[in-house]
Amino acid sequence: MDQKIIDLYDEYRHESIDRREFLKKLAVLAGGIAAARALLPLLEHNYAQAEVVPKDDPRLKTGYINYPGATGEVRANLVRPKGDRKLPGVVVIHQNKGLEPYIEDVTRRTALEGFLALAPDALSPLGGTPKDSDKAKSLQRKLDSQSTVNNYIAAVKYLKTHPESTGKVGAIGFCWGGGIANQLAVNSPDLLAVVPFYGSQPASEDVPKIKASLLLHYAALDKRINEGIPAFEAALMKASVDYKIYTYEGVKHAFHDDTRADRYNKEAAQLAWQRTISFLKEKLKK
């Protein structure tokens, strides 16, 4: 697929242009309205591909809970392996369209690795995530940034004090959630390990507040996000933060999202996930 089309879709998905303007520009790049409509299924998410681990997997205990957040009750997907042993906790932070099937599947994947996995719905203060991803994206723009971060800080505290938890907590975030994961690293001293996937970086002056170990995943073709890497890394080194950076060559932003045919890269996604799980086990299970 033409990189210009990928870049245009990325601009739309990250709220720089509205849907009408996106479709207009897509028709120009594709060579007409009919061609643009044919491309849409490739660009839009296919949630049917997201179920790597079935919702009714017999190895897991899955459900939804509400925990007390800064804005009131926050709904979240809570998943753990069956059994009664205490487990380290992992907060899973969704992208810019709410608590979608892909993220719930990632939560189940995380739980299968021996974690108490919690995926909060950041849109809880606005009624929760709607099924329409465009509506979810529109709602997410209305969130208050600091209140949202505070709701995730509350999620960390919820897992730290959960009766089924060892008290050790980490976090994983994707895209928008990668940026939130970085903010959690800055604002939550209770976190021990944080894994942002292609997330926007925190301000350099905030980096010395980070106590957690970081594993940072970036896509080589993700120009917008990657512009912030040099300053972030310089600040991490200056503050002596424990971190590791991996940049995956030839892949785009959202390369881990297996619901996106235009972005998913199986080899990079599997390698990043293997590294993520090894990192979380090293930091949370020792």
C-alpha atoms as a PDB file:
ATOM      1  CA  MET A   1       0.000   0.000   0.000  1.00  0.00           C
ATOM      2  CA  ASP A   2       1.249   3.492  -0.868  1.00  0.00           C
ATOM      3  CA  GLN A   3       3.011   5.094   2.092  1.00  0.00           C
ATOM      4  CA  LYS A   4       1.147   8.365   1.405  1.00  0.00           C
ATOM      5  CA  ILE A   5      -2.139   6.525   2.058  1.00  0.00           C
ATOM      6  CA  ILE A   6      -0.733   5.044   5.281  1.00  0.00           C
ATOM      7  CA  ASP A   7       0.422   8.491   6.399  1.00  0.00           C
ATOM      8  CA  LEU A   8      -2.974  10.000   5.579  1.00  0.00           C
ATOM      9  CA  TYR A   9      -4.773   7.322   7.586  1.00  0.00           C
ATOM     10  CA  ASP A  10      -2.395   7.878  10.470  1.00  0.00           C
ATOM     11  CA  GLU A  11      -3.161  11.611  10.323  1.00  0.00           C
ATOM     12  CA  TYR A  12      -6.884  10.837  10.468  1.00  0.00           C
ATOM     13  CA  ARG A  13      -6.584   8.274  13.254  1.00  0.00           C
ATOM     14  CA  HIS A  14      -4.554  10.681  15.338  1.00  0.00           C
ATOM     15  CA  GLU A  15      -7.208  13.367  15.012  1.00  0.00           C
ATOM     16  CA  SER A  16      -5.374  15.845  12.770  1.00  0.00           C
ATOM     17  CA  ILE A  17      -8.189  15.790  10.186  1.00  0.00           C
ATOM     18  CA  ASP A  18     -11.873  14.814  10.329  1.00  0.00           C
ATOM     19  CA  ARG A  19     -13.459  11.907   8.444  1.00  0.00           C
ATOM     20  CA  ARG A  20     -14.832  14.048   5.607  1.00  0.00           C
ATOM     21  CA  GLU A  21     -11.423  15.542   4.878  1.00  0.00           C
ATOM     22  CA  PHE A  22      -9.806  12.112   5.168  1.00  0.00           C
ATOM     23  CA  LEU A  23     -12.157  10.542   2.616  1.00  0.00           C
ATOM     24  CA  LYS A  24     -11.687  13.473   0.256  1.00  0.00           C
ATOM     25  CA  LYS A  25      -7.900  13.170   0.340  1.00  0.00           C
ATOM     26  CA  LEU A  26      -8.047   9.367   0.161  1.00  0.00           C
ATOM     27  CA  ALA A  27     -10.098   9.575  -3.060  1.00  0.00           C
ATOM     28  CA  VAL A  28      -7.413  11.774  -4.599  1.00  0.00           C
ATOM     29  CA  LEU A  29      -4.593   9.406  -3.624  1.00  0.00           C
ATOM     30  CA  ALA A  30      -6.512   6.273  -4.608  1.00  0.00           C
ATOM     31  CA  GLY A  31      -7.646   7.621  -7.967  1.00  0.00           C
ATOM     32  CA  GLY A  32     -11.330   8.042  -7.271  1.00  0.00           C
ATOM     33  CA  ILE A  33     -14.127   7.502  -4.779  1.00  0.00           C
ATOM     34  CA  ALA A  34     -14.687   3.872  -5.817  1.00  0.00           C
ATOM     35  CA  ALA A  35     -11.022   3.036  -5.292  1.00  0.00           C
ATOM     36  CA  ALA A  36     -11.049   4.813  -1.941  1.00  0.00           C
ATOM     37  CA  ARG A  37     -14.048   2.776  -0.770  1.00  0.00           C
ATOM     38  CA  ALA A  38     -12.254  -0.410  -1.807  1.00  0.00           C
ATOM     39  CA  LEU A  39      -9.289   0.560   0.362  1.00  0.00           C
ATOM     40  CA  LEU A  40     -11.320   1.305   3.466  1.00  0.00           C
ATOM     41  CA  PRO A  41     -11.703  -2.335   4.609  1.00  0.00           C
ATOM     42  CA  LEU A  42      -7.914  -2.667   4.563  1.00  0.00           C
ATOM     43  CA  LEU A  43      -7.452   0.510   6.545  1.00  0.00           C
ATOM     44  CA  GLU A  44     -10.203  -0.018   9.101  1.00  0.00           C
ATOM     45  CA  HIS A  45      -9.901  -2.533  11.922  1.00  0.00           C
ATOM     46  CA  ASN A  46     -10.987  -6.131  11.529  1.00  0.00           C
ATOM     47  CA  TYR A  47     -11.834  -7.159  15.078  1.00  0.00           C
ATOM     48  CA  ALA A  48     -12.437 -10.766  14.071  1.00  0.00           C
ATOM     49  CA  GLN A  49      -8.655 -11.180  13.790  1.00  0.00           C
ATOM     50  CA  ALA A  50      -8.079  -9.973  17.333  1.00  0.00           C
ATOM     51  CA  GLU A  51      -9.044 -13.152  19.151  1.00  0.00           C
ATOM     52  CA  VAL A  52      -5.751 -14.964  19.635  1.00  0.00           C
ATOM     53  CA  VAL A  53      -6.994 -16.191  23.023  1.00  0.00           C
ATOM     54  CA  PRO A  54     -10.756 -16.955  23.066  1.00  0.00           C
ATOM     55  CA  LYS A  55     -12.940 -15.176  25.611  1.00  0.00           C
ATOM     56  CA  ASP A  56     -14.001 -18.538  27.017  1.00  0.00           C
ATOM     57  CA  ASP A  57     -10.494 -20.016  27.217  1.00  0.00           C
ATOM     58  CA  PRO A  58     -10.806 -22.667  29.962  1.00  0.00           C
ATOM     59  CA  ARG A  59      -7.394 -21.765  31.391  1.00  0.00           C
ATOM     60  CA  LEU A  60      -8.546 -18.275  32.370  1.00  0.00           C
ATOM     61  CA  LYS A  61     -10.863 -16.559  34.791  1.00  0.00           C
ATOM     62  CA  THR A  62     -12.237 -13.495  33.020  1.00  0.00           C
ATOM     63  CA  GLY A  63     -14.697 -10.791  33.976  1.00  0.00           C
ATOM     64  CA  TYR A  64     -15.337  -7.098  34.503  1.00  0.00           C
ATOM     65  CA  ILE A  65     -14.951  -5.108  37.681  1.00  0.00           C
ATOM     66  CA  ASN A  66     -15.315  -1.504  38.793  1.00  0.00           C
ATOM     67  CA  TYR A  67     -12.572   0.153  40.787  1.00  0.00           C
ATOM     68  CA  PRO A  68     -12.569   3.593  42.422  1.00  0.00           C
ATOM     69  CA  GLY A  69     -10.878   6.157  40.200  1.00  0.00           C
ATOM     70  CA  ALA A  70     -10.315   9.899  40.306  1.00  0.00           C
ATOM     71  CA  THR A  71     -13.531  10.499  38.345  1.00  0.00           C
ATOM     72  CA  GLY A  72     -15.643   7.847  40.065  1.00  0.00           C
ATOM     73  CA  GLU A  73     -16.087   4.161  39.247  1.00  0.00           C
ATOM     74  CA  VAL A  74     -13.919   2.910  36.372  1.00  0.00           C
ATOM     75  CA  ARG A  75     -14.949  -0.248  34.510  1.00  0.00           C
ATOM     76  CA  ALA A  76     -12.166  -2.663  33.633  1.00  0.00           C
ATOM     77  CA  ASN A  77     -11.572  -6.108  32.175  1.00  0.00           C
ATOM     78  CA  LEU A  78      -9.861  -8.292  34.814  1.00  0.00           C
ATOM     79  CA  VAL A  79      -8.270 -11.587  33.741  1.00  0.00           C
ATOM     80  CA  ARG A  80      -6.072 -14.147  35.494  1.00  0.00           C
ATOM     81  CA  PRO A  81      -5.113 -17.791  35.089  1.00  0.00           C
ATOM     82  CA  LYS A  82      -7.313 -20.159  37.036  1.00  0.00           C
ATOM     83  CA  GLY A  83      -5.995 -21.130  40.444  1.00  0.00           C
ATOM     84  CA  ASP A  84      -5.555 -19.442  43.791  1.00  0.00           C
ATOM     85  CA  ARG A  85      -1.913 -18.390  43.827  1.00  0.00           C
ATOM     86  CA  LYS A  86      -1.057 -14.712  44.100  1.00  0.00           C
ATOM     87  CA  LEU A  87       0.218 -13.088  40.904  1.00  0.00           C
ATOM     88  CA  PRO A  88       2.006  -9.905  39.856  1.00  0.00           C
ATOM     89  CA  GLY A  89      -0.343  -7.332  38.344  1.00  0.00           C
ATOM     90  CA  VAL A  90      -0.169  -5.732  34.896  1.00  0.00           C
ATOM     91  CA  VAL A  91      -2.248  -2.756  33.769  1.00  0.00           C
ATOM     92  CA  VAL A  92      -3.024  -2.947  30.032  1.00  0.00           C
ATOM     93  CA  ILE A  93      -3.684   0.467  28.471  1.00  0.00           C
ATOM     94  CA  HIS A  94      -5.739   0.705  25.298  1.00  0.00           C
ATOM     95  CA  GLN A  95      -5.318   2.779  22.146  1.00  0.00           C
ATOM     96  CA  ASN A  96      -7.319   5.893  21.193  1.00  0.00           C
ATOM     97  CA  LYS A  97     -10.606   4.052  20.622  1.00  0.00           C
ATOM     98  CA  GLY A  98     -11.422   2.788  24.074  1.00  0.00           C
ATOM     99  CA  LEU A  99     -11.468  -0.754  25.420  1.00  0.00           C
ATOM    100  CA  GLU A 100     -11.666  -2.589  22.096  1.00  0.00           C
ATOM    101  CA  PRO A 101     -11.546  -6.363  21.394  1.00  0.00           C
ATOM    102  CA  TYR A 102      -7.859  -6.257  20.424  1.00  0.00           C
ATOM    103  CA  ILE A 103      -6.891  -4.864  23.833  1.00  0.00           C
ATOM    104  CA  GLU A 104      -9.117  -7.330  25.681  1.00  0.00           C
ATOM    105  CA  ASP A 105      -7.362 -10.103  23.780  1.00  0.00           C
ATOM    106  CA  VAL A 106      -3.960  -8.680  24.727  1.00  0.00           C
ATOM    107  CA  THR A 107      -5.176  -8.692  28.326  1.00  0.00           C
ATOM    108  CA  ARG A 108      -5.974 -12.410  28.045  1.00  0.00           C
ATOM    109  CA  ARG A 109      -2.573 -13.051  26.436  1.00  0.00           C
ATOM    110  CA  THR A 110      -0.918 -11.270  29.360  1.00  0.00           C
ATOM    111  CA  ALA A 111      -2.887 -13.254  31.928  1.00  0.00           C
ATOM    112  CA  LEU A 112      -1.897 -16.545  30.317  1.00  0.00           C
ATOM    113  CA  GLU A 113       1.722 -15.673  31.048  1.00  0.00           C
ATOM    114  CA  GLY A 114       0.987 -15.735  34.767  1.00  0.00           C
ATOM    115  CA  PHE A 115      -0.223 -12.227  35.551  1.00  0.00           C
ATOM    116  CA  LEU A 116      -3.276 -10.609  37.095  1.00  0.00           C
ATOM    117  CA  ALA A 117      -4.122  -8.417  34.084  1.00  0.00           C
ATOM    118  CA  LEU A 118      -6.363  -5.353  34.291  1.00  0.00           C
ATOM    119  CA  ALA A 119      -7.494  -3.311  31.269  1.00  0.00           C
ATOM    120  CA  PRO A 120      -9.352  -0.159  32.369  1.00  0.00           C
ATOM    121  CA  ASP A 121     -11.819   1.553  30.068  1.00  0.00           C
ATOM    122  CA  ALA A 122     -10.598   5.154  29.950  1.00  0.00           C
ATOM    123  CA  LEU A 123     -13.991   6.164  28.566  1.00  0.00           C
ATOM    124  CA  SER A 124     -15.791   5.085  31.753  1.00  0.00           C
ATOM    125  CA  PRO A 125     -16.397   8.722  32.827  1.00  0.00           C
ATOM    126  CA  LEU A 126     -18.208   9.262  29.508  1.00  0.00           C
ATOM    127  CA  GLY A 127     -20.374   6.155  29.658  1.00  0.00           C
ATOM    128  CA  GLY A 128     -17.886   3.565  28.461  1.00  0.00           C
ATOM    129  CA  THR A 129     -16.561   2.457  25.086  1.00  0.00           C
ATOM    130  CA  PRO A 130     -19.196   2.341  22.307  1.00  0.00           C
ATOM    131  CA  LYS A 131     -19.063  -0.363  19.636  1.00  0.00           C
ATOM    132  CA  ASP A 132     -18.496   2.212  16.883  1.00  0.00           C
ATOM    133  CA  SER A 133     -14.745   2.913  16.856  1.00  0.00           C
ATOM    134  CA  ASP A 134     -15.228   6.364  15.319  1.00  0.00           C
ATOM    135  CA  LYS A 135     -17.583   7.314  18.154  1.00  0.00           C
ATOM    136  CA  ALA A 136     -15.072   5.948  20.659  1.00  0.00           C
ATOM    137  CA  LYS A 137     -12.319   8.008  19.088  1.00  0.00           C
ATOM    138  CA  SER A 138     -14.490  11.114  19.214  1.00  0.00           C
ATOM    139  CA  LEU A 139     -15.316  10.483  22.885  1.00  0.00           C
ATOM    140  CA  GLN A 140     -11.691   9.954  23.763  1.00  0.00           C
ATOM    141  CA  ARG A 141     -10.855  13.470  22.550  1.00  0.00           C
ATOM    142  CA  LYS A 142     -13.134  14.769  25.304  1.00  0.00           C
ATOM    143  CA  LEU A 143     -11.190  13.142  28.143  1.00  0.00           C
ATOM    144  CA  ASP A 144      -9.373  15.334  30.629  1.00  0.00           C
ATOM    145  CA  SER A 145      -5.699  14.350  30.424  1.00  0.00           C
ATOM    146  CA  GLN A 146      -4.783  14.628  34.091  1.00  0.00           C
ATOM    147  CA  SER A 147      -7.972  12.932  35.314  1.00  0.00           C
ATOM    148  CA  THR A 148      -7.309  10.098  32.875  1.00  0.00           C
ATOM    149  CA  VAL A 149      -3.765   9.608  34.150  1.00  0.00           C
ATOM    150  CA  ASN A 150      -5.122   9.680  37.703  1.00  0.00           C
ATOM    151  CA  ASN A 151      -7.626   6.953  36.842  1.00  0.00           C
ATOM    152  CA  TYR A 152      -4.745   4.774  35.664  1.00  0.00           C
ATOM    153  CA  ILE A 153      -2.725   5.574  38.776  1.00  0.00           C
ATOM    154  CA  ALA A 154      -5.759   4.299  40.704  1.00  0.00           C
ATOM    155  CA  ALA A 155      -5.643   1.113  38.604  1.00  0.00           C
ATOM    156  CA  VAL A 156      -2.040   0.536  39.698  1.00  0.00           C
ATOM    157  CA  LYS A 157      -3.060   0.978  43.344  1.00  0.00           C
ATOM    158  CA  TYR A 158      -6.024  -1.367  42.818  1.00  0.00           C
ATOM    159  CA  LEU A 159      -3.727  -4.127  41.573  1.00  0.00           C
ATOM    160  CA  LYS A 160      -1.058  -3.478  44.184  1.00  0.00           C
ATOM    161  CA  THR A 161      -3.573  -4.012  47.003  1.00  0.00           C
ATOM    162  CA  HIS A 162      -5.692  -6.705  45.326  1.00  0.00           C
ATOM    163  CA  PRO A 163      -5.968  -9.851  47.499  1.00  0.00           C
ATOM    164  CA  GLU A 164      -4.902 -12.004  44.523  1.00  0.00           C
ATOM    165  CA  SER A 165      -1.825  -9.853  43.817  1.00  0.00           C
ATOM    166  CA  THR A 166       1.757 -10.174  45.041  1.00  0.00           C
ATOM    167  CA  GLY A 167       1.852  -6.362  45.252  1.00  0.00           C
ATOM    168  CA  LYS A 168       4.231  -6.042  42.303  1.00  0.00           C
ATOM    169  CA  VAL A 169       2.720  -4.132  39.370  1.00  0.00           C
ATOM    170  CA  GLY A 170       3.736  -3.296  35.792  1.00  0.00           C
ATOM    171  CA  ALA A 171       2.025  -1.675  32.815  1.00  0.00           C
ATOM    172  CA  ILE A 172       1.791  -2.089  29.041  1.00  0.00           C
ATOM    173  CA  GLY A 173       0.382   0.585  26.723  1.00  0.00           C
ATOM    174  CA  PHE A 174      -0.231   0.817  22.988  1.00  0.00           C
ATOM    175  CA  CYS A 175      -0.256   3.985  20.834  1.00  0.00           C
ATOM    176  CA  TRP A 176      -2.285   6.506  22.917  1.00  0.00           C
ATOM    177  CA  GLY A 177      -1.885   4.007  25.724  1.00  0.00           C
ATOM    178  CA  GLY A 178       1.870   4.007  25.196  1.00  0.00           C
ATOM    179  CA  GLY A 179       1.862   7.722  25.967  1.00  0.00           C
ATOM    180  CA  ILE A 180      -0.274   7.088  29.054  1.00  0.00           C
ATOM    181  CA  ALA A 181       2.145   4.325  30.102  1.00  0.00           C
ATOM    182  CA  ASN A 182       4.985   6.843  29.979  1.00  0.00           C
ATOM    183  CA  GLN A 183       2.937   9.269  32.077  1.00  0.00           C
ATOM    184  CA  LEU A 184       2.237   6.470  34.559  1.00  0.00           C
ATOM    185  CA  ALA A 185       5.966   5.825  34.813  1.00  0.00           C
ATOM    186  CA  VAL A 186       6.411   9.493  35.729  1.00  0.00           C
ATOM    187  CA  ASN A 187       3.468   9.713  38.129  1.00  0.00           C
ATOM    188  CA  SER A 188       3.165   6.302  39.801  1.00  0.00           C
ATOM    189  CA  PRO A 189       6.056   5.310  42.076  1.00  0.00           C
ATOM    190  CA  ASP A 190       4.290   2.008  42.739  1.00  0.00           C
ATOM    191  CA  LEU A 191       5.114   0.743  39.234  1.00  0.00           C
ATOM    192  CA  LEU A 192       8.115  -1.539  38.813  1.00  0.00           C
ATOM    193  CA  ALA A 193       8.061  -2.127  35.043  1.00  0.00           C
ATOM    194  CA  VAL A 194       6.533  -0.199  32.130  1.00  0.00           C
ATOM    195  CA  VAL A 195       6.326  -1.190  28.451  1.00  0.00           C
ATOM    196  CA  PRO A 196       5.112   1.550  26.083  1.00  0.00           C
ATOM    197  CA  PHE A 197       4.542   0.487  22.481  1.00  0.00           C
ATOM    198  CA  TYR A 198       5.173   3.485  20.172  1.00  0.00           C
ATOM    199  CA  GLY A 199       4.024   5.927  22.833  1.00  0.00           C
ATOM    200  CA  SER A 200       4.554   9.675  22.984  1.00  0.00           C
ATOM    201  CA  GLN A 201       7.331  10.596  25.382  1.00  0.00           C
ATOM    202  CA  PRO A 202       7.016  12.541  28.645  1.00  0.00           C
ATOM    203  CA  ALA A 203       8.645  15.935  29.098  1.00  0.00           C
ATOM    204  CA  SER A 204      12.379  15.642  29.691  1.00  0.00           C
ATOM    205  CA  GLU A 205      12.108  17.505  32.990  1.00  0.00           C
ATOM    206  CA  ASP A 206       9.709  14.819  34.274  1.00  0.00           C
ATOM    207  CA  VAL A 207      11.983  11.872  33.502  1.00  0.00           C
ATOM    208  CA  PRO A 208      13.905  12.004  36.832  1.00  0.00           C
ATOM    209  CA  LYS A 209      10.619  11.118  38.569  1.00  0.00           C
ATOM    210  CA  ILE A 210      10.612   7.676  36.909  1.00  0.00           C
ATOM    211  CA  LYS A 211      11.339   4.828  39.329  1.00  0.00           C
ATOM    212  CA  ALA A 212      10.231   1.916  37.139  1.00  0.00           C
ATOM    213  CA  SER A 213      12.323  -0.007  34.624  1.00  0.00           C
ATOM    214  CA  LEU A 214      11.310   0.768  31.027  1.00  0.00           C
ATOM    215  CA  LEU A 215      11.153  -1.353  27.888  1.00  0.00           C
ATOM    216  CA  LEU A 216      10.447   0.948  24.928  1.00  0.00           C
ATOM    217  CA  HIS A 217       9.204  -0.376  21.565  1.00  0.00           C
ATOM    218  CA  TYR A 218       9.272   1.843  18.467  1.00  0.00           C
ATOM    219  CA  ALA A 219       8.528   1.381  14.771  1.00  0.00           C
ATOM    220  CA  ALA A 220      11.231   2.582  12.397  1.00  0.00           C
ATOM    221  CA  LEU A 221       8.690   4.177  10.030  1.00  0.00           C
ATOM    222  CA  ASP A 222       6.847   6.001  12.821  1.00  0.00           C
ATOM    223  CA  LYS A 223       8.272   9.434  12.063  1.00  0.00           C
ATOM    224  CA  ARG A 224       5.908  11.434  14.275  1.00  0.00           C
ATOM    225  CA  ILE A 225       6.587   9.487  17.477  1.00  0.00           C
ATOM    226  CA  ASN A 226      10.252   8.815  16.784  1.00  0.00           C
ATOM    227  CA  GLU A 227      11.086  12.510  16.712  1.00  0.00           C
ATOM    228  CA  GLY A 228      10.845  12.444  20.508  1.00  0.00           C
ATOM    229  CA  ILE A 229      13.260   9.536  21.070  1.00  0.00           C
ATOM    230  CA  PRO A 230      16.615  11.412  21.201  1.00  0.00           C
ATOM    231  CA  ALA A 231      15.528  13.870  23.902  1.00  0.00           C
ATOM    232  CA  PHE A 232      13.807  11.097  25.869  1.00  0.00           C
ATOM    233  CA  GLU A 233      16.834   8.820  25.770  1.00  0.00           C
ATOM    234  CA  ALA A 234      19.173  11.646  26.749  1.00  0.00           C
ATOM    235  CA  ALA A 235      16.959  12.416  29.748  1.00  0.00           C
ATOM    236  CA  LEU A 236      16.768   8.734  30.714  1.00  0.00           C
ATOM    237  CA  MET A 237      20.546   8.398  30.659  1.00  0.00           C
ATOM    238  CA  LYS A 238      21.034  11.615  32.616  1.00  0.00           C
ATOM    239  CA  ALA A 239      18.575  10.453  35.284  1.00  0.00           C
ATOM    240  CA  SER A 240      20.101   6.936  35.403  1.00  0.00           C
ATOM    241  CA  VAL A 241      16.729   5.307  34.676  1.00  0.00           C
ATOM    242  CA  ASP A 242      16.872   1.592  33.904  1.00  0.00           C
ATOM    243  CA  TYR A 243      15.680   1.340  30.305  1.00  0.00           C
ATOM    244  CA  LYS A 244      16.049  -0.506  27.027  1.00  0.00           C
ATOM    245  CA  ILE A 245      14.944   0.664  23.567  1.00  0.00           C
ATOM    246  CA  TYR A 246      14.097  -1.507  20.570  1.00  0.00           C
ATOM    247  CA  THR A 247      13.325  -0.017  17.156  1.00  0.00           C
ATOM    248  CA  TYR A 248      11.834  -2.451  14.639  1.00  0.00           C
ATOM    249  CA  GLU A 249      13.041  -1.866  11.096  1.00  0.00           C
ATOM    250  CA  GLY A 250      10.637  -1.595   8.174  1.00  0.00           C
ATOM    251  CA  VAL A 251       7.463  -1.452  10.283  1.00  0.00           C
ATOM    252  CA  LYS A 252       4.851   1.199  10.945  1.00  0.00           C
ATOM    253  CA  HIS A 253       3.171   2.629  14.023  1.00  0.00           C
ATOM    254  CA  ALA A 254       0.726   0.073  15.496  1.00  0.00           C
ATOM    255  CA  PHE A 255       2.708  -2.878  14.121  1.00  0.00           C
ATOM    256  CA  HIS A 256       1.569  -5.038  17.056  1.00  0.00           C
ATOM    257  CA  ASP A 257      -2.142  -4.561  16.306  1.00  0.00           C
ATOM    258  CA  ASP A 258      -3.193  -7.735  14.487  1.00  0.00           C
ATOM    259  CA  THR A 259      -6.597  -6.240  13.629  1.00  0.00           C
ATOM    260  CA  ARG A 260      -4.967  -3.807  11.182  1.00  0.00           C
ATOM    261  CA  ALA A 261      -3.969  -5.351   7.878  1.00  0.00           C
ATOM    262  CA  ASP A 262      -2.287  -2.103   6.817  1.00  0.00           C
ATOM    263  CA  ARG A 263       0.045  -2.050   9.836  1.00  0.00           C
ATOM    264  CA  TYR A 264       0.425  -5.429  11.487  1.00  0.00           C
ATOM    265  CA  ASN A 265       3.836  -7.046  11.130  1.00  0.00           C
ATOM    266  CA  LYS A 266       3.774 -10.580  12.485  1.00  0.00           C
ATOM    267  CA  GLU A 267       7.534 -10.997  12.916  1.00  0.00           C
ATOM    268  CA  ALA A 268       8.034  -7.671  14.726  1.00  0.00           C
ATOM    269  CA  ALA A 269       4.878  -8.119  16.805  1.00  0.00           C
ATOM    270  CA  GLN A 270       5.882 -11.564  18.015  1.00  0.00           C
ATOM    271  CA  LEU A 271       9.429 -10.465  18.819  1.00  0.00           C
ATOM    272  CA  ALA A 272       8.233  -7.383  20.713  1.00  0.00           C
ATOM    273  CA  TRP A 273       5.722  -9.486  22.645  1.00  0.00           C
ATOM    274  CA  GLN A 274       8.340 -12.106  23.541  1.00  0.00           C
ATOM    275  CA  ARG A 275      10.622  -9.347  24.815  1.00  0.00           C
ATOM    276  CA  THR A 276       7.751  -7.762  26.727  1.00  0.00           C
ATOM    277  CA  ILE A 277       6.788 -10.933  28.569  1.00  0.00           C
ATOM    278  CA  SER A 278      10.412 -11.781  29.387  1.00  0.00           C
ATOM    279  CA  PHE A 279      10.908  -8.256  30.739  1.00  0.00           C
ATOM    280  CA  LEU A 280       7.761  -8.338  32.875  1.00  0.00           C
ATOM    281  CA  LYS A 281       8.638 -11.743  34.297  1.00  0.00           C
ATOM    282  CA  GLU A 282      12.166 -10.564  35.099  1.00  0.00           C
ATOM    283  CA  LYS A 283      11.004  -7.379  36.842  1.00  0.00           C
ATOM    284  CA  LEU A 284       7.805  -8.590  38.525  1.00  0.00           C
ATOM    285  CA  LYS A 285       8.444 -12.225  39.405  1.00  0.00           C
ATOM    286  CA  LYS A 286      11.891 -12.106  40.977  1.00  0.00           C
END
